[in-house]
């Protein structure tokens, strides 16, 4: 009797555990994501655009950086990932300018993680153009090229556009992730942020597919 009771209880517990496992449910508006109004344009309408709003000065962005790069490497072909630095204050604006300057000189891929490390691990005070230039030169960047890029019309324009994009997306803090100019992803942890981003991407893919089906012309009857 006890043996049968134990077997029954084990089966019941196993069933309850299966019921408690997370399912691939649709993300919930207001909890898992918020709607961006009005919808923002994207650079590549043919693909789902994911934007990470960040700053080198942000410690949470520093923690997220290696995670989101690994995550982005596995994105399917219909998804494009881009990063936009915010300019919440003068220090953050310097960091945004550094991001676009390194991008212009062709050193961003090589030094992106190094910027985070310089600020958050080594404690360097990159708080002025001179400090930042000295650091960049110490990392092998040509001083003249760096200075020309830093003060260029191209970098000035990109910093302004990035700041406007953050405003248009209603970004209040970083890191923040927006999907296709429509949804701002939630999450209580960095890993949950990425998990929910995957879910919102899937939701958006379904919306795009449904729209395409709805707008497709019916076949002509014979």
N, C-alpha and C. Protein backbone atom coordinates (compact mmCIF):
# COMPACT_ATOMS: atom_id res chain seq x y z
N UNK A 1 0.84 -1.21 0.00
CA UNK A 1 0.00 0.00 0.00
C UNK A 1 0.87 1.25 0.00
N UNK A 2 1.85 1.24 0.91
CA UNK A 2 2.73 2.41 0.99
C UNK A 2 3.52 2.58 -0.31
N UNK A 3 3.90 1.43 -0.91
CA UNK A 3 4.66 1.49 -2.15
C UNK A 3 3.84 2.13 -3.25
N UNK A 4 2.55 1.73 -3.36
CA UNK A 4 1.67 2.29 -4.39
C UNK A 4 1.41 3.76 -4.13
N UNK A 5 1.24 4.13 -2.84
CA UNK A 5 0.99 5.53 -2.48
C UNK A 5 2.20 6.40 -2.85
N UNK A 6 3.41 5.85 -2.57
CA UNK A 6 4.61 6.60 -2.91
C UNK A 6 4.74 6.79 -4.41
N UNK A 7 4.40 5.76 -5.18
CA UNK A 7 4.48 5.86 -6.64
C UNK A 7 3.49 6.89 -7.15
N UNK A 8 2.29 6.89 -6.56
CA UNK A 8 1.24 7.84 -6.99
C UNK A 8 1.65 9.28 -6.68
N UNK A 9 2.23 9.48 -5.50
CA UNK A 9 2.67 10.82 -5.12
C UNK A 9 3.80 11.31 -6.02
N UNK A 10 4.70 10.40 -6.35
CA UNK A 10 5.81 10.77 -7.24
C UNK A 10 5.30 11.20 -8.61
N UNK A 11 4.30 10.46 -9.10
CA UNK A 11 3.71 10.79 -10.40
C UNK A 11 3.01 12.13 -10.34
N UNK A 12 2.30 12.39 -9.22
CA UNK A 12 1.59 13.66 -9.07
C UNK A 12 2.56 14.83 -9.03
N UNK A 13 3.64 14.67 -8.27
CA UNK A 13 4.65 15.74 -8.18
C UNK A 13 5.28 16.01 -9.54
N UNK A 14 5.58 14.95 -10.29
CA UNK A 14 6.17 15.11 -11.61
C UNK A 14 5.23 15.86 -12.55
N UNK A 15 3.93 15.53 -12.45
CA UNK A 15 2.94 16.21 -13.30
C UNK A 15 2.85 17.68 -12.96
N UNK A 16 2.87 17.98 -11.65
CA UNK A 16 2.80 19.38 -11.23
C UNK A 16 4.03 20.15 -11.68
N UNK A 17 5.19 19.50 -11.65
CA UNK A 17 6.42 20.15 -12.09
C UNK A 17 6.34 20.47 -13.58
N UNK A 18 5.78 19.55 -14.36
CA UNK A 18 5.65 19.79 -15.79
C UNK A 18 4.73 20.97 -16.07
N UNK A 19 3.64 21.06 -15.27
CA UNK A 19 2.71 22.16 -15.44
C UNK A 19 3.34 23.50 -15.11
N UNK A 20 4.32 23.47 -14.19
CA UNK A 20 4.94 24.72 -13.75
C UNK A 20 6.06 25.19 -14.67
N UNK A 21 6.47 24.35 -15.65
CA UNK A 21 7.53 24.74 -16.55
C UNK A 21 7.08 25.88 -17.45
N UNK A 22 7.98 26.85 -17.75
CA UNK A 22 7.59 27.96 -18.61
C UNK A 22 7.27 27.50 -20.02
N UNK A 23 6.31 28.15 -20.63
CA UNK A 23 5.92 27.83 -21.99
C UNK A 23 6.30 28.99 -22.88
N UNK A 24 6.19 28.77 -24.19
CA UNK A 24 6.53 29.81 -25.14
C UNK A 24 5.32 30.72 -25.36
N UNK A 25 4.83 31.29 -24.27
CA UNK A 25 3.67 32.16 -24.35
C UNK A 25 4.05 33.51 -24.94
N UNK A 26 3.05 34.18 -25.48
CA UNK A 26 3.28 35.51 -26.01
C UNK A 26 3.68 36.45 -24.88
N UNK A 27 4.64 37.35 -25.12
CA UNK A 27 4.98 38.34 -24.10
C UNK A 27 3.78 39.25 -23.83
N UNK A 28 3.69 39.75 -22.62
CA UNK A 28 2.53 40.53 -22.19
C UNK A 28 2.86 42.02 -22.20
N UNK A 29 2.02 42.78 -22.89
CA UNK A 29 2.20 44.24 -22.94
C UNK A 29 2.03 44.83 -21.55
N UNK A 30 2.88 45.77 -21.21
CA UNK A 30 2.82 46.41 -19.91
C UNK A 30 3.62 45.69 -18.85
N UNK A 31 3.97 44.43 -19.12
CA UNK A 31 4.80 43.66 -18.20
C UNK A 31 6.13 43.28 -18.84
N UNK A 32 6.06 42.70 -20.03
CA UNK A 32 7.27 42.24 -20.73
C UNK A 32 7.78 43.26 -21.74
N UNK A 33 6.92 44.14 -22.17
CA UNK A 33 7.32 45.18 -23.11
C UNK A 33 6.30 46.32 -23.06
N UNK A 34 6.71 47.46 -23.57
CA UNK A 34 5.81 48.59 -23.71
C UNK A 34 5.80 49.02 -25.17
N UNK A 35 4.71 49.63 -25.58
CA UNK A 35 4.56 50.05 -26.97
C UNK A 35 5.15 51.45 -27.16
N UNK A 36 5.95 51.60 -28.19
CA UNK A 36 6.55 52.89 -28.51
C UNK A 36 5.59 53.66 -29.41
N UNK A 37 5.17 54.80 -28.95
CA UNK A 37 4.24 55.62 -29.73
C UNK A 37 4.79 57.04 -29.89
N UNK A 38 4.85 57.53 -31.12
CA UNK A 38 4.52 56.82 -32.36
C UNK A 38 5.61 55.82 -32.75
N UNK A 39 5.27 54.89 -33.63
CA UNK A 39 6.25 53.93 -34.13
C UNK A 39 7.41 54.67 -34.79
N UNK A 40 8.62 54.21 -34.52
CA UNK A 40 9.81 54.86 -35.06
C UNK A 40 10.29 54.17 -36.33
N UNK A 41 10.80 54.93 -37.29
CA UNK A 41 11.32 54.32 -38.53
C UNK A 41 12.58 53.53 -38.25
N UNK A 42 12.86 52.55 -39.08
CA UNK A 42 14.06 51.73 -38.94
C UNK A 42 14.92 51.91 -40.19
N UNK A 43 16.18 51.54 -40.08
CA UNK A 43 17.11 51.71 -41.19
C UNK A 43 16.93 50.66 -42.27
N UNK A 44 16.40 49.49 -41.89
CA UNK A 44 16.25 48.39 -42.85
C UNK A 44 14.85 47.80 -42.71
N UNK A 45 13.86 48.38 -43.41
CA UNK A 45 12.47 47.90 -43.28
C UNK A 45 12.28 46.44 -43.65
N UNK A 46 13.23 45.88 -44.39
CA UNK A 46 13.10 44.49 -44.81
C UNK A 46 13.42 43.49 -43.71
N UNK A 47 14.02 43.98 -42.62
CA UNK A 47 14.36 43.09 -41.51
C UNK A 47 13.88 43.67 -40.18
N UNK A 48 13.78 42.82 -39.17
CA UNK A 48 13.39 43.26 -37.83
C UNK A 48 14.61 43.90 -37.18
N UNK A 49 14.49 45.16 -36.82
CA UNK A 49 15.63 45.89 -36.27
C UNK A 49 15.59 45.88 -34.74
N UNK A 50 16.68 45.45 -34.14
CA UNK A 50 16.83 45.46 -32.68
C UNK A 50 17.88 46.50 -32.33
N UNK A 51 17.52 47.44 -31.47
CA UNK A 51 18.44 48.51 -31.09
C UNK A 51 18.74 48.44 -29.60
N UNK A 52 20.02 48.39 -29.28
CA UNK A 52 20.44 48.51 -27.88
C UNK A 52 20.86 49.95 -27.63
N UNK A 53 20.15 50.62 -26.72
CA UNK A 53 20.55 51.95 -26.27
C UNK A 53 21.45 51.74 -25.05
N UNK A 54 22.63 52.38 -25.06
CA UNK A 54 23.61 52.09 -24.04
C UNK A 54 24.53 53.28 -23.82
N UNK A 55 25.43 53.15 -22.85
CA UNK A 55 26.52 54.09 -22.68
C UNK A 55 27.72 53.35 -22.10
N UNK A 56 28.90 53.74 -22.54
CA UNK A 56 30.11 53.18 -21.95
C UNK A 56 30.18 53.50 -20.46
N UNK A 57 29.55 54.59 -20.04
CA UNK A 57 29.61 55.02 -18.64
C UNK A 57 28.71 54.20 -17.73
N UNK A 58 27.81 53.43 -18.31
CA UNK A 58 26.80 52.69 -17.53
C UNK A 58 27.34 51.34 -17.07
N UNK A 59 27.36 51.08 -15.76
CA UNK A 59 27.87 49.79 -15.26
C UNK A 59 27.05 48.60 -15.72
N UNK A 60 25.73 48.76 -15.82
CA UNK A 60 24.89 47.65 -16.28
C UNK A 60 25.13 47.37 -17.76
N UNK A 61 25.42 48.41 -18.53
CA UNK A 61 25.77 48.22 -19.94
C UNK A 61 27.08 47.46 -20.06
N UNK A 62 27.99 47.74 -19.15
CA UNK A 62 29.26 47.02 -19.10
C UNK A 62 29.02 45.53 -18.86
N UNK A 63 28.10 45.21 -17.95
CA UNK A 63 27.78 43.81 -17.66
C UNK A 63 27.07 43.14 -18.84
N UNK A 64 26.23 43.91 -19.52
CA UNK A 64 25.45 43.34 -20.62
C UNK A 64 26.29 43.15 -21.88
N UNK A 65 27.31 43.96 -22.06
CA UNK A 65 28.04 43.99 -23.33
C UNK A 65 28.50 42.61 -23.83
N UNK A 66 29.20 41.81 -23.03
CA UNK A 66 29.61 40.50 -23.56
C UNK A 66 28.43 39.57 -23.83
N UNK A 67 27.38 39.70 -23.02
CA UNK A 67 26.20 38.85 -23.20
C UNK A 67 25.47 39.19 -24.49
N UNK A 68 25.30 40.48 -24.75
CA UNK A 68 24.49 40.86 -25.92
C UNK A 68 25.27 40.63 -27.21
N UNK A 69 26.60 40.69 -27.15
CA UNK A 69 27.39 40.40 -28.35
C UNK A 69 27.26 38.92 -28.71
N UNK A 70 27.33 38.05 -27.71
CA UNK A 70 27.16 36.61 -27.98
C UNK A 70 25.76 36.33 -28.48
N UNK A 71 24.77 37.00 -27.89
CA UNK A 71 23.38 36.85 -28.31
C UNK A 71 23.20 37.30 -29.75
N UNK A 72 23.79 38.44 -30.09
CA UNK A 72 23.61 39.01 -31.43
C UNK A 72 24.25 38.13 -32.51
N UNK A 73 25.31 37.41 -32.16
CA UNK A 73 25.97 36.54 -33.13
C UNK A 73 25.07 35.41 -33.62
N UNK A 74 24.04 35.08 -32.85
CA UNK A 74 23.16 33.96 -33.18
C UNK A 74 21.83 34.40 -33.78
N UNK A 75 21.68 35.69 -34.06
CA UNK A 75 20.41 36.17 -34.59
C UNK A 75 20.18 35.65 -36.01
N UNK A 76 18.94 35.34 -36.34
CA UNK A 76 18.65 34.87 -37.70
C UNK A 76 18.80 36.00 -38.72
N UNK A 77 18.77 35.65 -39.98
CA UNK A 77 19.05 36.62 -41.03
C UNK A 77 18.00 37.71 -41.16
N UNK A 78 16.79 37.46 -40.67
CA UNK A 78 15.75 38.48 -40.81
C UNK A 78 15.78 39.50 -39.67
N UNK A 79 16.82 39.43 -38.82
CA UNK A 79 16.96 40.37 -37.70
C UNK A 79 18.30 41.09 -37.83
N UNK A 80 18.29 42.41 -37.66
CA UNK A 80 19.51 43.20 -37.69
C UNK A 80 19.67 43.89 -36.33
N UNK A 81 20.90 43.89 -35.82
CA UNK A 81 21.18 44.45 -34.50
C UNK A 81 22.06 45.68 -34.64
N UNK A 82 21.72 46.74 -33.93
CA UNK A 82 22.53 47.95 -33.93
C UNK A 82 22.57 48.53 -32.52
N UNK A 83 23.56 49.37 -32.29
CA UNK A 83 23.74 49.98 -30.97
C UNK A 83 23.69 51.49 -31.10
N UNK A 84 23.04 52.12 -30.15
CA UNK A 84 22.91 53.58 -30.16
C UNK A 84 23.31 54.12 -28.79
N UNK A 85 24.38 54.92 -28.72
CA UNK A 85 24.79 55.50 -27.44
C UNK A 85 23.91 56.69 -27.06
N UNK A 86 23.56 56.79 -25.79
CA UNK A 86 22.71 57.88 -25.31
C UNK A 86 23.57 59.02 -24.78
N UNK A 87 22.95 60.20 -24.67
CA UNK A 87 23.66 61.39 -24.18
C UNK A 87 22.85 62.04 -23.06
N UNK A 88 22.62 61.27 -21.99
CA UNK A 88 21.80 61.77 -20.88
C UNK A 88 22.42 62.98 -20.17
N UNK A 89 23.74 63.06 -20.19
CA UNK A 89 24.45 64.12 -19.48
C UNK A 89 25.78 64.36 -20.20
N UNK A 90 26.55 65.37 -19.81
CA UNK A 90 27.81 65.67 -20.53
C UNK A 90 28.78 64.50 -20.60
N UNK A 91 28.89 63.69 -19.53
CA UNK A 91 29.79 62.54 -19.57
C UNK A 91 29.30 61.51 -20.57
N UNK A 92 28.00 61.23 -20.54
CA UNK A 92 27.44 60.27 -21.49
C UNK A 92 27.60 60.77 -22.92
N UNK A 93 27.51 62.08 -23.13
CA UNK A 93 27.69 62.63 -24.46
C UNK A 93 29.13 62.43 -24.95
N UNK A 94 30.10 62.59 -24.05
CA UNK A 94 31.49 62.31 -24.40
C UNK A 94 31.65 60.85 -24.83
N UNK A 95 30.98 59.95 -24.12
CA UNK A 95 31.07 58.53 -24.44
C UNK A 95 30.41 58.22 -25.78
N UNK A 96 29.32 58.92 -26.08
CA UNK A 96 28.67 58.75 -27.38
C UNK A 96 29.59 59.22 -28.50
N UNK A 97 30.26 60.33 -28.26
CA UNK A 97 31.20 60.85 -29.24
C UNK A 97 32.38 59.90 -29.42
N UNK A 98 32.84 59.29 -28.33
CA UNK A 98 33.92 58.31 -28.42
C UNK A 98 33.50 57.12 -29.26
N UNK A 99 32.29 56.63 -29.05
CA UNK A 99 31.77 55.50 -29.81
C UNK A 99 31.80 55.78 -31.31
N UNK A 100 31.26 56.92 -31.71
CA UNK A 100 31.20 57.24 -33.14
C UNK A 100 32.56 57.63 -33.71
N UNK A 101 33.44 58.16 -32.87
CA UNK A 101 34.80 58.47 -33.34
C UNK A 101 35.56 57.19 -33.64
N UNK A 102 35.47 56.21 -32.74
CA UNK A 102 36.13 54.93 -32.99
C UNK A 102 35.52 54.22 -34.19
N UNK A 103 34.22 54.38 -34.37
CA UNK A 103 33.57 53.79 -35.54
C UNK A 103 34.10 54.43 -36.82
N UNK A 104 34.31 55.75 -36.78
CA UNK A 104 34.80 56.47 -37.95
C UNK A 104 36.25 56.11 -38.28
N UNK A 105 37.08 55.94 -37.25
CA UNK A 105 38.49 55.61 -37.49
C UNK A 105 38.70 54.13 -37.79
N UNK A 106 37.65 53.33 -37.64
CA UNK A 106 37.77 51.90 -37.90
C UNK A 106 38.30 51.09 -36.74
N UNK A 107 38.28 51.68 -35.53
CA UNK A 107 38.84 51.00 -34.36
C UNK A 107 37.77 50.49 -33.39
N UNK A 108 36.50 50.63 -33.74
CA UNK A 108 35.44 50.30 -32.78
C UNK A 108 35.45 48.82 -32.41
N UNK A 109 35.49 47.94 -33.39
CA UNK A 109 35.45 46.51 -33.10
C UNK A 109 36.61 46.09 -32.20
N UNK A 110 37.76 46.69 -32.43
CA UNK A 110 38.96 46.34 -31.68
C UNK A 110 38.95 46.89 -30.25
N UNK A 111 38.36 48.07 -30.07
CA UNK A 111 38.48 48.76 -28.78
C UNK A 111 37.18 48.90 -27.99
N UNK A 112 36.10 48.39 -28.53
CA UNK A 112 34.81 48.54 -27.85
C UNK A 112 34.85 48.00 -26.42
N UNK A 113 35.26 46.75 -26.26
CA UNK A 113 35.33 46.16 -24.92
C UNK A 113 36.38 46.86 -24.06
N UNK A 114 37.44 47.36 -24.70
CA UNK A 114 38.51 48.03 -23.97
C UNK A 114 38.04 49.33 -23.34
N UNK A 115 37.08 50.01 -23.97
CA UNK A 115 36.54 51.24 -23.38
C UNK A 115 35.82 50.92 -22.08
N UNK A 116 34.97 49.89 -22.13
CA UNK A 116 34.27 49.47 -20.92
C UNK A 116 35.27 49.11 -19.82
N UNK A 117 36.29 48.36 -20.19
CA UNK A 117 37.29 47.93 -19.22
C UNK A 117 38.04 49.12 -18.62
N UNK A 118 38.40 50.08 -19.45
CA UNK A 118 39.13 51.25 -18.97
C UNK A 118 38.35 52.00 -17.91
N UNK A 119 37.04 52.10 -18.10
CA UNK A 119 36.21 52.86 -17.16
C UNK A 119 35.83 52.04 -15.93
N UNK A 120 35.36 50.83 -16.14
CA UNK A 120 34.75 50.07 -15.05
C UNK A 120 35.70 49.11 -14.33
N UNK A 121 36.80 48.74 -14.96
CA UNK A 121 37.75 47.84 -14.31
C UNK A 121 39.03 48.57 -13.90
N UNK A 122 39.52 49.42 -14.79
CA UNK A 122 40.77 50.13 -14.48
C UNK A 122 40.54 51.48 -13.81
N UNK A 123 39.29 51.95 -13.85
CA UNK A 123 38.96 53.19 -13.16
C UNK A 123 39.54 54.44 -13.80
N UNK A 124 39.80 54.41 -15.10
CA UNK A 124 40.35 55.58 -15.77
C UNK A 124 39.29 56.68 -15.89
N UNK A 125 39.71 57.92 -15.76
CA UNK A 125 38.80 59.06 -15.83
C UNK A 125 38.80 59.63 -17.26
N UNK A 126 37.97 59.08 -18.08
CA UNK A 126 37.86 59.56 -19.46
C UNK A 126 36.80 60.65 -19.50
N UNK A 127 37.15 61.80 -18.94
CA UNK A 127 36.16 62.85 -18.71
C UNK A 127 36.40 64.11 -19.54
N UNK A 128 37.33 64.06 -20.47
CA UNK A 128 37.59 65.22 -21.32
C UNK A 128 38.13 64.72 -22.65
N UNK A 129 38.10 65.60 -23.65
CA UNK A 129 38.61 65.22 -24.96
C UNK A 129 40.08 64.82 -24.86
N UNK A 130 40.87 65.54 -24.06
CA UNK A 130 42.30 65.23 -23.91
C UNK A 130 42.49 63.86 -23.27
N UNK A 131 41.77 63.60 -22.17
CA UNK A 131 41.89 62.29 -21.50
C UNK A 131 41.56 61.16 -22.48
N UNK A 132 40.49 61.35 -23.21
CA UNK A 132 40.01 60.32 -24.13
C UNK A 132 40.99 60.13 -25.29
N UNK A 133 41.49 61.24 -25.82
CA UNK A 133 42.46 61.15 -26.93
C UNK A 133 43.74 60.46 -26.47
N UNK A 134 44.23 60.82 -25.28
CA UNK A 134 45.45 60.18 -24.75
C UNK A 134 45.25 58.68 -24.60
N UNK A 135 44.07 58.30 -24.12
CA UNK A 135 43.79 56.87 -23.96
C UNK A 135 43.75 56.18 -25.31
N UNK A 136 43.05 56.80 -26.28
CA UNK A 136 42.93 56.19 -27.61
C UNK A 136 44.30 56.01 -28.25
N UNK A 137 45.16 57.02 -28.13
CA UNK A 137 46.50 56.93 -28.69
C UNK A 137 47.29 55.82 -28.02
N UNK A 138 47.09 55.66 -26.70
CA UNK A 138 47.78 54.59 -25.97
C UNK A 138 47.33 53.21 -26.44
N UNK A 139 46.17 53.15 -27.09
CA UNK A 139 45.64 51.89 -27.60
C UNK A 139 45.98 51.67 -29.08
N UNK A 140 46.83 52.57 -29.61
CA UNK A 140 47.29 52.38 -30.99
C UNK A 140 46.53 53.16 -32.04
N UNK A 141 45.63 54.06 -31.62
CA UNK A 141 44.89 54.88 -32.58
C UNK A 141 45.75 56.08 -32.98
N UNK A 142 45.76 56.40 -34.26
CA UNK A 142 46.53 57.55 -34.72
C UNK A 142 45.93 58.83 -34.15
N UNK A 143 46.75 59.66 -33.53
CA UNK A 143 46.27 60.87 -32.85
C UNK A 143 45.59 61.83 -33.80
N UNK A 144 46.18 62.05 -34.96
CA UNK A 144 45.59 63.00 -35.91
C UNK A 144 44.26 62.50 -36.44
N UNK A 145 44.20 61.24 -36.82
CA UNK A 145 42.95 60.67 -37.32
C UNK A 145 41.86 60.73 -36.26
N UNK A 146 42.24 60.44 -35.03
CA UNK A 146 41.26 60.45 -33.94
C UNK A 146 40.72 61.87 -33.74
N UNK A 147 41.60 62.85 -33.69
CA UNK A 147 41.19 64.23 -33.46
C UNK A 147 40.31 64.75 -34.59
N UNK A 148 40.67 64.41 -35.82
CA UNK A 148 39.88 64.85 -36.96
C UNK A 148 38.48 64.23 -36.92
N UNK A 149 38.41 62.95 -36.58
CA UNK A 149 37.11 62.29 -36.49
C UNK A 149 36.28 62.85 -35.35
N UNK A 150 36.92 63.05 -34.20
CA UNK A 150 36.23 63.55 -33.00
C UNK A 150 35.51 64.87 -33.29
N UNK A 151 36.14 65.75 -34.06
CA UNK A 151 35.60 67.08 -34.34
C UNK A 151 34.90 67.18 -35.69
N UNK A 152 34.68 66.05 -36.32
CA UNK A 152 34.11 66.05 -37.67
C UNK A 152 32.60 66.29 -37.67
N UNK A 153 32.13 66.76 -38.81
CA UNK A 153 30.69 66.94 -39.01
C UNK A 153 29.97 65.60 -38.91
N UNK A 154 30.60 64.55 -39.43
CA UNK A 154 29.98 63.22 -39.40
C UNK A 154 29.70 62.75 -37.98
N UNK A 155 30.69 62.86 -37.10
CA UNK A 155 30.51 62.41 -35.72
C UNK A 155 29.53 63.32 -34.99
N UNK A 156 29.62 64.62 -35.20
CA UNK A 156 28.66 65.55 -34.58
C UNK A 156 27.23 65.18 -34.95
N UNK A 157 27.02 64.89 -36.23
CA UNK A 157 25.69 64.55 -36.71
C UNK A 157 25.18 63.25 -36.11
N UNK A 158 26.07 62.25 -36.03
CA UNK A 158 25.66 60.95 -35.48
C UNK A 158 25.31 61.06 -34.00
N UNK A 159 26.05 61.85 -33.25
CA UNK A 159 25.75 62.03 -31.83
C UNK A 159 24.38 62.69 -31.67
N UNK A 160 24.10 63.68 -32.48
CA UNK A 160 22.81 64.37 -32.40
C UNK A 160 21.67 63.44 -32.80
N UNK A 161 21.87 62.66 -33.86
CA UNK A 161 20.82 61.73 -34.29
C UNK A 161 20.58 60.65 -33.24
N UNK A 162 21.65 60.18 -32.61
CA UNK A 162 21.50 59.16 -31.56
C UNK A 162 20.72 59.71 -30.38
N UNK A 163 21.01 60.95 -30.01
CA UNK A 163 20.29 61.59 -28.89
C UNK A 163 18.81 61.74 -29.24
N UNK A 164 18.53 62.13 -30.48
CA UNK A 164 17.14 62.27 -30.89
C UNK A 164 16.43 60.93 -30.94
N UNK A 165 17.15 59.90 -31.37
CA UNK A 165 16.55 58.56 -31.41
C UNK A 165 16.18 58.10 -30.01
N UNK A 166 17.05 58.35 -29.03
CA UNK A 166 16.75 57.98 -27.64
C UNK A 166 15.52 58.72 -27.13
N UNK A 167 15.41 59.98 -27.49
CA UNK A 167 14.23 60.75 -27.09
C UNK A 167 12.97 60.21 -27.74
N UNK A 168 13.05 59.93 -29.03
CA UNK A 168 11.88 59.44 -29.76
C UNK A 168 11.42 58.08 -29.26
N UNK A 169 12.36 57.27 -28.81
CA UNK A 169 12.02 55.94 -28.28
C UNK A 169 11.62 55.99 -26.79
N UNK A 170 11.64 57.18 -26.23
CA UNK A 170 11.27 57.39 -24.81
C UNK A 170 12.19 56.62 -23.87
N UNK A 171 13.49 56.65 -24.16
CA UNK A 171 14.45 55.93 -23.32
C UNK A 171 14.71 56.71 -22.03
N UNK A 172 14.43 56.07 -20.90
CA UNK A 172 14.60 56.70 -19.60
C UNK A 172 15.85 56.22 -18.87
N UNK A 173 16.37 55.08 -19.26
CA UNK A 173 17.56 54.52 -18.64
C UNK A 173 18.18 53.49 -19.55
N UNK A 174 19.41 53.12 -19.25
CA UNK A 174 20.11 52.12 -20.07
C UNK A 174 20.71 51.04 -19.18
N UNK A 175 20.91 49.83 -19.74
CA UNK A 175 20.63 49.45 -21.12
C UNK A 175 19.15 49.33 -21.40
N UNK A 176 18.77 49.60 -22.64
CA UNK A 176 17.38 49.45 -23.08
C UNK A 176 17.41 48.86 -24.48
N UNK A 177 16.42 48.03 -24.77
CA UNK A 177 16.36 47.36 -26.08
C UNK A 177 15.01 47.64 -26.72
N UNK A 178 15.05 48.13 -27.96
CA UNK A 178 13.84 48.38 -28.73
C UNK A 178 13.78 47.43 -29.91
N UNK A 179 12.60 46.97 -30.23
CA UNK A 179 12.41 46.03 -31.33
C UNK A 179 11.57 46.67 -32.43
N UNK A 180 12.18 46.82 -33.59
CA UNK A 180 11.53 47.27 -34.81
C UNK A 180 10.84 48.63 -34.68
N UNK A 181 11.35 49.47 -33.80
CA UNK A 181 10.78 50.80 -33.63
C UNK A 181 9.40 50.80 -33.01
N UNK A 182 8.96 49.64 -32.49
CA UNK A 182 7.60 49.50 -31.98
C UNK A 182 7.51 49.13 -30.51
N UNK A 183 8.47 48.35 -30.03
CA UNK A 183 8.36 47.81 -28.68
C UNK A 183 9.64 48.04 -27.89
N UNK A 184 9.47 48.44 -26.64
CA UNK A 184 10.58 48.60 -25.71
C UNK A 184 10.51 47.43 -24.74
N UNK A 185 11.56 46.63 -24.70
CA UNK A 185 11.56 45.37 -23.95
C UNK A 185 11.79 45.62 -22.47
N UNK A 186 11.08 44.85 -21.62
CA UNK A 186 11.25 44.94 -20.18
C UNK A 186 12.27 43.93 -19.69
N UNK A 187 12.10 43.49 -18.43
CA UNK A 187 13.02 42.50 -17.86
C UNK A 187 13.61 42.97 -16.55
N UNK A 188 13.68 42.06 -15.59
CA UNK A 188 14.21 42.39 -14.26
C UNK A 188 15.68 42.03 -14.12
N UNK A 189 16.24 41.39 -15.12
CA UNK A 189 17.66 41.04 -15.11
C UNK A 189 18.17 41.11 -16.54
N UNK A 190 19.48 41.10 -16.69
CA UNK A 190 20.06 41.18 -18.03
C UNK A 190 19.69 39.96 -18.87
N UNK A 191 19.71 38.78 -18.25
CA UNK A 191 19.36 37.57 -18.99
C UNK A 191 17.89 37.58 -19.38
N UNK A 192 17.04 38.07 -18.48
CA UNK A 192 15.61 38.14 -18.80
C UNK A 192 15.37 39.15 -19.93
N UNK A 193 16.14 40.22 -19.93
CA UNK A 193 16.03 41.21 -21.01
C UNK A 193 16.27 40.55 -22.36
N UNK A 194 17.29 39.72 -22.46
CA UNK A 194 17.58 39.05 -23.72
C UNK A 194 16.53 37.99 -24.06
N UNK A 195 16.07 37.27 -23.04
CA UNK A 195 15.03 36.26 -23.27
C UNK A 195 13.75 36.90 -23.78
N UNK A 196 13.36 38.00 -23.15
CA UNK A 196 12.15 38.70 -23.58
C UNK A 196 12.33 39.33 -24.96
N UNK A 197 13.55 39.77 -25.25
CA UNK A 197 13.81 40.33 -26.58
C UNK A 197 13.57 39.27 -27.65
N UNK A 198 14.02 38.04 -27.39
CA UNK A 198 13.77 36.94 -28.33
C UNK A 198 12.26 36.75 -28.53
N UNK A 199 11.51 36.82 -27.43
CA UNK A 199 10.06 36.62 -27.51
C UNK A 199 9.38 37.75 -28.28
N UNK A 200 9.83 38.97 -28.05
CA UNK A 200 9.23 40.11 -28.75
C UNK A 200 9.60 40.07 -30.24
N UNK A 201 10.81 39.64 -30.55
CA UNK A 201 11.20 39.45 -31.95
C UNK A 201 10.27 38.45 -32.62
N UNK A 202 10.02 37.34 -31.94
CA UNK A 202 9.15 36.31 -32.50
C UNK A 202 7.73 36.85 -32.68
N UNK A 203 7.26 37.64 -31.71
CA UNK A 203 5.94 38.25 -31.82
C UNK A 203 5.88 39.20 -33.03
N UNK A 204 6.92 39.99 -33.18
CA UNK A 204 6.97 40.94 -34.30
C UNK A 204 7.06 40.20 -35.63
N UNK A 205 7.79 39.10 -35.66
CA UNK A 205 7.88 38.30 -36.88
C UNK A 205 6.50 37.79 -37.28
N UNK A 206 5.74 37.37 -36.28
CA UNK A 206 4.38 36.91 -36.55
C UNK A 206 3.50 38.04 -37.06
N UNK A 207 3.67 39.23 -36.51
CA UNK A 207 2.90 40.38 -36.98
C UNK A 207 3.23 40.71 -38.42
N UNK A 208 4.52 40.68 -38.74
CA UNK A 208 4.94 40.96 -40.12
C UNK A 208 4.39 39.91 -41.08
N UNK A 209 4.45 38.65 -40.66
CA UNK A 209 3.96 37.57 -41.50
C UNK A 209 2.47 37.70 -41.72
N UNK A 210 1.73 38.05 -40.67
CA UNK A 210 0.29 38.22 -40.78
C UNK A 210 -0.07 39.36 -41.68
N UNK A 211 0.70 40.45 -41.58
CA UNK A 211 0.46 41.61 -42.43
C UNK A 211 0.72 41.27 -43.89
N UNK A 212 1.80 40.49 -44.12
CA UNK A 212 2.13 40.11 -45.48
C UNK A 212 1.03 39.23 -46.08
N UNK A 213 0.51 38.32 -45.24
CA UNK A 213 -0.56 37.43 -45.71
C UNK A 213 -1.83 38.21 -46.01
N UNK A 214 -2.10 39.21 -45.14
CA UNK A 214 -3.33 39.98 -45.29
C UNK A 214 -3.30 40.86 -46.53
N UNK A 215 -2.10 41.31 -46.90
CA UNK A 215 -1.97 42.22 -48.05
C UNK A 215 -1.70 41.48 -49.35
N UNK A 216 -1.49 40.15 -49.26
CA UNK A 216 -1.23 39.37 -50.47
C UNK A 216 -2.49 39.32 -51.35
N UNK A 217 -2.32 39.43 -52.65
CA UNK A 217 -3.47 39.40 -53.56
C UNK A 217 -3.91 37.96 -53.76
N UNK A 218 -5.24 37.72 -53.72
CA UNK A 218 -5.72 36.35 -53.97
C UNK A 218 -5.46 35.94 -55.40
N UNK A 219 -5.27 34.64 -55.60
CA UNK A 219 -5.02 34.14 -56.95
C UNK A 219 -6.25 34.35 -57.83
N UNK A 220 -6.02 34.71 -59.06
CA UNK A 220 -7.12 34.94 -59.99
C UNK A 220 -7.85 33.64 -60.28
N UNK A 221 -9.18 33.70 -60.26
CA UNK A 221 -9.98 32.50 -60.52
C UNK A 221 -10.03 32.24 -62.01
N UNK A 222 -10.05 30.98 -62.37
CA UNK A 222 -10.09 30.61 -63.79
C UNK A 222 -11.52 30.43 -64.25
